[in-house]
Amino acid sequence: MARLNILEFPDPRLKTVADEVKSFDSELKKLVEDMTETMYSANGIGLAATQVNVHKRLLVLDVSEEQDQLLVYINPEILSQSGEQNQEEGCLSVPGIYASIKRAEFVTVKAQNTDGKIFEEQLEGLHAVCVQHEMDHLIGRLFVDYLSPLKRNMVRKKLEKQRKVAAKEAQEHLLL
């Protein structure tokens, strides 16, 4: 397994619409393993392939307390949704930023597993939010796209400042 590089907002590759997965082979299984390791090592609960610059309709998530219940959704689609909930969301591609986003409370999702077998699930709560959040990545949408342009610009500036500080600290560390 290998940890993959997670793209960060405002990287334009995050806006890429993912293609349908058609080949359920060892390469796909390796990608799932690498994405899983990447998600867990970054302390995330979900990761879409788009976030690691692989533009396939694939996501992994684990909303369990112990992080021992990995779920894989390939070519996911929402069949139905109902209710509303506001949840504080964060994103591995937008580190350190959180915002309350309105999502459906209940969703029915149809997807495929790593062998190509089709399944359906009825989800609610955090699980439903996470699937909707990760599926947004597959169509090139981030949770910050739900914010006003002013707030989105503030997020962009805050992340740029964080990156500059981190780069400066790294350079100073090298000089020591």
Protein backbone atom coordinates (compact mmCIF):
# COMPACT_ATOMS: atom_id res chain seq x y z
CA MET A 1 0.00 0.00 0.00
CA ALA A 2 1.05 3.57 -0.57
CA ARG A 3 -0.07 6.91 0.71
CA LEU A 4 -1.29 9.16 -2.06
CA ASN A 5 -0.96 12.92 -2.34
CA ILE A 6 -4.24 14.70 -1.51
CA LEU A 7 -5.02 17.69 -3.74
CA GLU A 8 -5.91 20.86 -1.87
CA PHE A 9 -8.33 23.67 -2.68
CA PRO A 10 -8.10 25.67 -4.96
CA ASP A 11 -6.29 23.10 -7.14
CA PRO A 12 -8.21 23.10 -10.46
CA ARG A 13 -7.93 19.30 -10.74
CA LEU A 14 -10.49 19.08 -7.92
CA LYS A 15 -13.05 20.45 -10.42
CA THR A 16 -12.62 17.47 -12.77
CA VAL A 17 -15.71 15.31 -13.29
CA ALA A 18 -14.88 11.66 -12.68
CA ASP A 19 -15.43 8.93 -15.26
CA GLU A 20 -17.33 5.72 -14.69
CA VAL A 21 -15.28 2.75 -13.52
CA LYS A 22 -15.53 -0.01 -16.12
CA SER A 23 -12.67 -2.32 -15.18
CA PHE A 24 -12.88 -4.17 -11.86
CA ASP A 25 -9.34 -5.51 -11.81
CA SER A 26 -6.31 -5.72 -9.52
CA GLU A 27 -5.37 -2.14 -10.42
CA LEU A 28 -8.72 -0.93 -9.04
CA LYS A 29 -8.27 -2.98 -5.86
CA LYS A 30 -4.77 -1.50 -5.40
CA LEU A 31 -6.21 2.01 -5.80
CA VAL A 32 -8.84 1.22 -3.13
CA GLU A 33 -6.09 -0.01 -0.78
CA ASP A 34 -3.96 3.09 -1.39
CA MET A 35 -6.92 5.43 -0.94
CA THR A 36 -7.87 3.63 2.28
CA GLU A 37 -4.35 3.99 3.69
CA THR A 38 -4.31 7.65 2.64
CA MET A 39 -7.69 8.36 4.28
CA TYR A 40 -6.79 6.64 7.56
CA SER A 41 -3.32 8.20 7.78
CA ALA A 42 -4.87 11.66 7.24
CA ASN A 43 -7.48 10.98 9.98
CA GLY A 44 -10.29 11.32 7.47
CA ILE A 45 -13.64 9.57 7.33
CA GLY A 46 -14.02 9.72 3.55
CA LEU A 47 -11.96 10.14 0.41
CA ALA A 48 -12.97 10.39 -3.24
CA ALA A 49 -10.62 9.33 -6.03
CA THR A 50 -10.76 12.87 -7.44
CA GLN A 51 -9.01 14.11 -4.29
CA VAL A 52 -5.95 11.98 -5.14
CA ASN A 53 -5.99 13.06 -8.79
CA VAL A 54 -7.59 9.87 -10.07
CA HIS A 55 -10.72 10.83 -11.96
CA LYS A 56 -12.80 7.68 -11.51
CA ARG A 57 -16.16 7.34 -9.78
CA LEU A 58 -14.82 5.75 -6.61
CA LEU A 59 -14.94 6.66 -2.94
CA VAL A 60 -13.97 5.08 0.35
CA LEU A 61 -15.31 5.95 3.76
CA ASP A 62 -15.40 4.81 7.35
CA VAL A 63 -17.62 6.67 9.78
CA SER A 64 -17.21 4.12 12.59
CA GLU A 65 -15.77 5.21 15.94
CA GLU A 66 -12.99 2.60 15.74
CA GLN A 67 -12.30 3.24 12.05
CA ASP A 68 -12.65 -0.46 11.30
CA GLN A 69 -15.68 -0.51 9.00
CA LEU A 70 -14.38 0.48 5.60
CA LEU A 71 -17.00 1.00 2.90
CA VAL A 72 -16.23 1.25 -0.81
CA TYR A 73 -18.62 2.80 -3.33
CA ILE A 74 -17.82 2.49 -7.03
CA ASN A 75 -19.99 4.32 -9.58
CA PRO A 76 -22.32 5.51 -6.80
CA GLU A 77 -25.62 7.19 -7.52
CA ILE A 78 -28.29 8.55 -5.22
CA LEU A 79 -31.63 6.93 -5.99
CA SER A 80 -33.65 8.91 -3.46
CA GLN A 81 -33.19 11.45 -0.72
CA SER A 82 -35.38 13.03 1.91
CA GLY A 83 -35.26 15.24 4.97
CA GLU A 84 -32.71 17.88 5.80
CA GLN A 85 -29.83 18.12 8.21
CA ASN A 86 -27.10 20.63 8.85
CA GLN A 87 -23.75 19.13 9.73
CA GLU A 88 -20.39 20.73 10.37
CA GLU A 89 -18.24 19.46 7.50
CA GLY A 90 -14.53 19.46 6.91
CA CYS A 91 -12.50 18.05 4.05
CA LEU A 92 -9.04 16.58 3.56
CA SER A 93 -8.75 18.83 0.48
CA VAL A 94 -9.60 21.93 2.54
CA PRO A 95 -7.55 21.33 5.71
CA GLY A 96 -8.52 23.09 8.91
CA ILE A 97 -11.70 24.62 7.48
CA TYR A 98 -15.18 23.66 8.71
CA ALA A 99 -18.63 24.92 7.79
CA SER A 100 -22.23 23.93 8.40
CA ILE A 101 -23.69 22.50 5.19
CA LYS A 102 -27.29 21.52 4.48
CA ARG A 103 -27.67 17.97 3.13
CA ALA A 104 -30.36 15.32 2.82
CA GLU A 105 -30.89 13.41 6.07
CA PHE A 106 -31.77 10.12 4.37
CA VAL A 107 -30.40 8.80 1.08
CA THR A 108 -30.67 5.57 -0.85
CA VAL A 109 -27.47 4.85 -2.72
CA LYS A 110 -26.81 2.35 -5.49
CA ALA A 111 -23.16 1.45 -6.16
CA GLN A 112 -20.79 -1.36 -7.01
CA ASN A 113 -18.18 -3.09 -4.90
CA THR A 114 -14.61 -3.88 -5.99
CA ASP A 115 -15.84 -7.03 -7.79
CA GLY A 116 -18.43 -5.03 -9.75
CA LYS A 117 -21.39 -6.41 -7.79
CA ILE A 118 -24.25 -3.89 -7.53
CA PHE A 119 -25.70 -3.10 -4.10
CA GLU A 120 -28.12 -0.60 -2.57
CA GLU A 121 -28.04 0.96 0.89
CA GLN A 122 -30.32 3.24 2.83
CA LEU A 123 -28.22 5.71 4.78
CA GLU A 124 -28.89 8.35 7.40
CA GLY A 125 -27.06 10.80 9.62
CA LEU A 126 -23.29 11.13 9.30
CA HIS A 127 -23.08 8.19 6.87
CA ALA A 128 -25.54 9.93 4.52
CA VAL A 129 -23.68 13.24 4.82
CA CYS A 130 -20.32 11.62 4.12
CA VAL A 131 -21.56 9.83 0.99
CA GLN A 132 -23.11 13.04 -0.34
CA HIS A 133 -19.92 15.01 0.42
CA GLU A 134 -17.67 12.45 -1.32
CA MET A 135 -20.05 12.09 -4.28
CA ASP A 136 -19.84 15.87 -4.74
CA HIS A 137 -16.08 15.43 -5.32
CA LEU A 138 -16.88 13.07 -8.19
CA ILE A 139 -18.68 15.88 -10.02
CA GLY A 140 -16.02 18.48 -9.23
CA ARG A 141 -17.80 20.12 -6.30
CA LEU A 142 -16.34 20.85 -2.86
CA PHE A 143 -18.21 21.74 0.30
CA VAL A 144 -16.80 25.28 0.06
CA ASP A 145 -18.79 25.66 -3.17
CA TYR A 146 -21.91 25.79 -0.96
CA LEU A 147 -20.51 28.87 0.80
CA SER A 148 -20.99 32.44 -0.35
CA PRO A 149 -18.31 33.80 -2.71
CA LEU A 150 -17.05 36.04 0.12
CA LYS A 151 -16.62 33.11 2.54
CA ARG A 152 -15.06 30.95 -0.17
CA ASN A 153 -12.51 33.70 -0.89
CA MET A 154 -11.75 33.97 2.85
CA VAL A 155 -11.12 30.20 2.91
CA ARG A 156 -8.78 30.48 -0.09
CA LYS A 157 -6.78 33.28 1.59
CA LYS A 158 -6.60 31.42 4.91
CA LEU A 159 -5.27 28.28 3.19
CA GLU A 160 -2.71 30.32 1.22
CA LYS A 161 -1.50 31.87 4.48
CA GLN A 162 -1.28 28.44 6.14
CA ARG A 163 0.77 27.11 3.22
CA LYS A 164 3.17 30.09 3.33
CA VAL A 165 3.70 29.67 7.08
CA ALA A 166 4.28 25.91 6.65
CA ALA A 167 6.74 26.50 3.80
CA LYS A 168 8.62 29.10 5.85
CA GLU A 169 8.80 26.76 8.86
CA ALA A 170 10.06 23.93 6.66
CA GLN A 171 12.75 26.15 5.17
CA GLU A 172 13.84 27.37 8.62
CA HIS A 173 13.99 23.75 9.80
CA LEU A 174 16.29 22.89 6.91
CA LEU A 175 18.63 25.73 7.88
CA LEU A 176 18.99 24.42 11.45
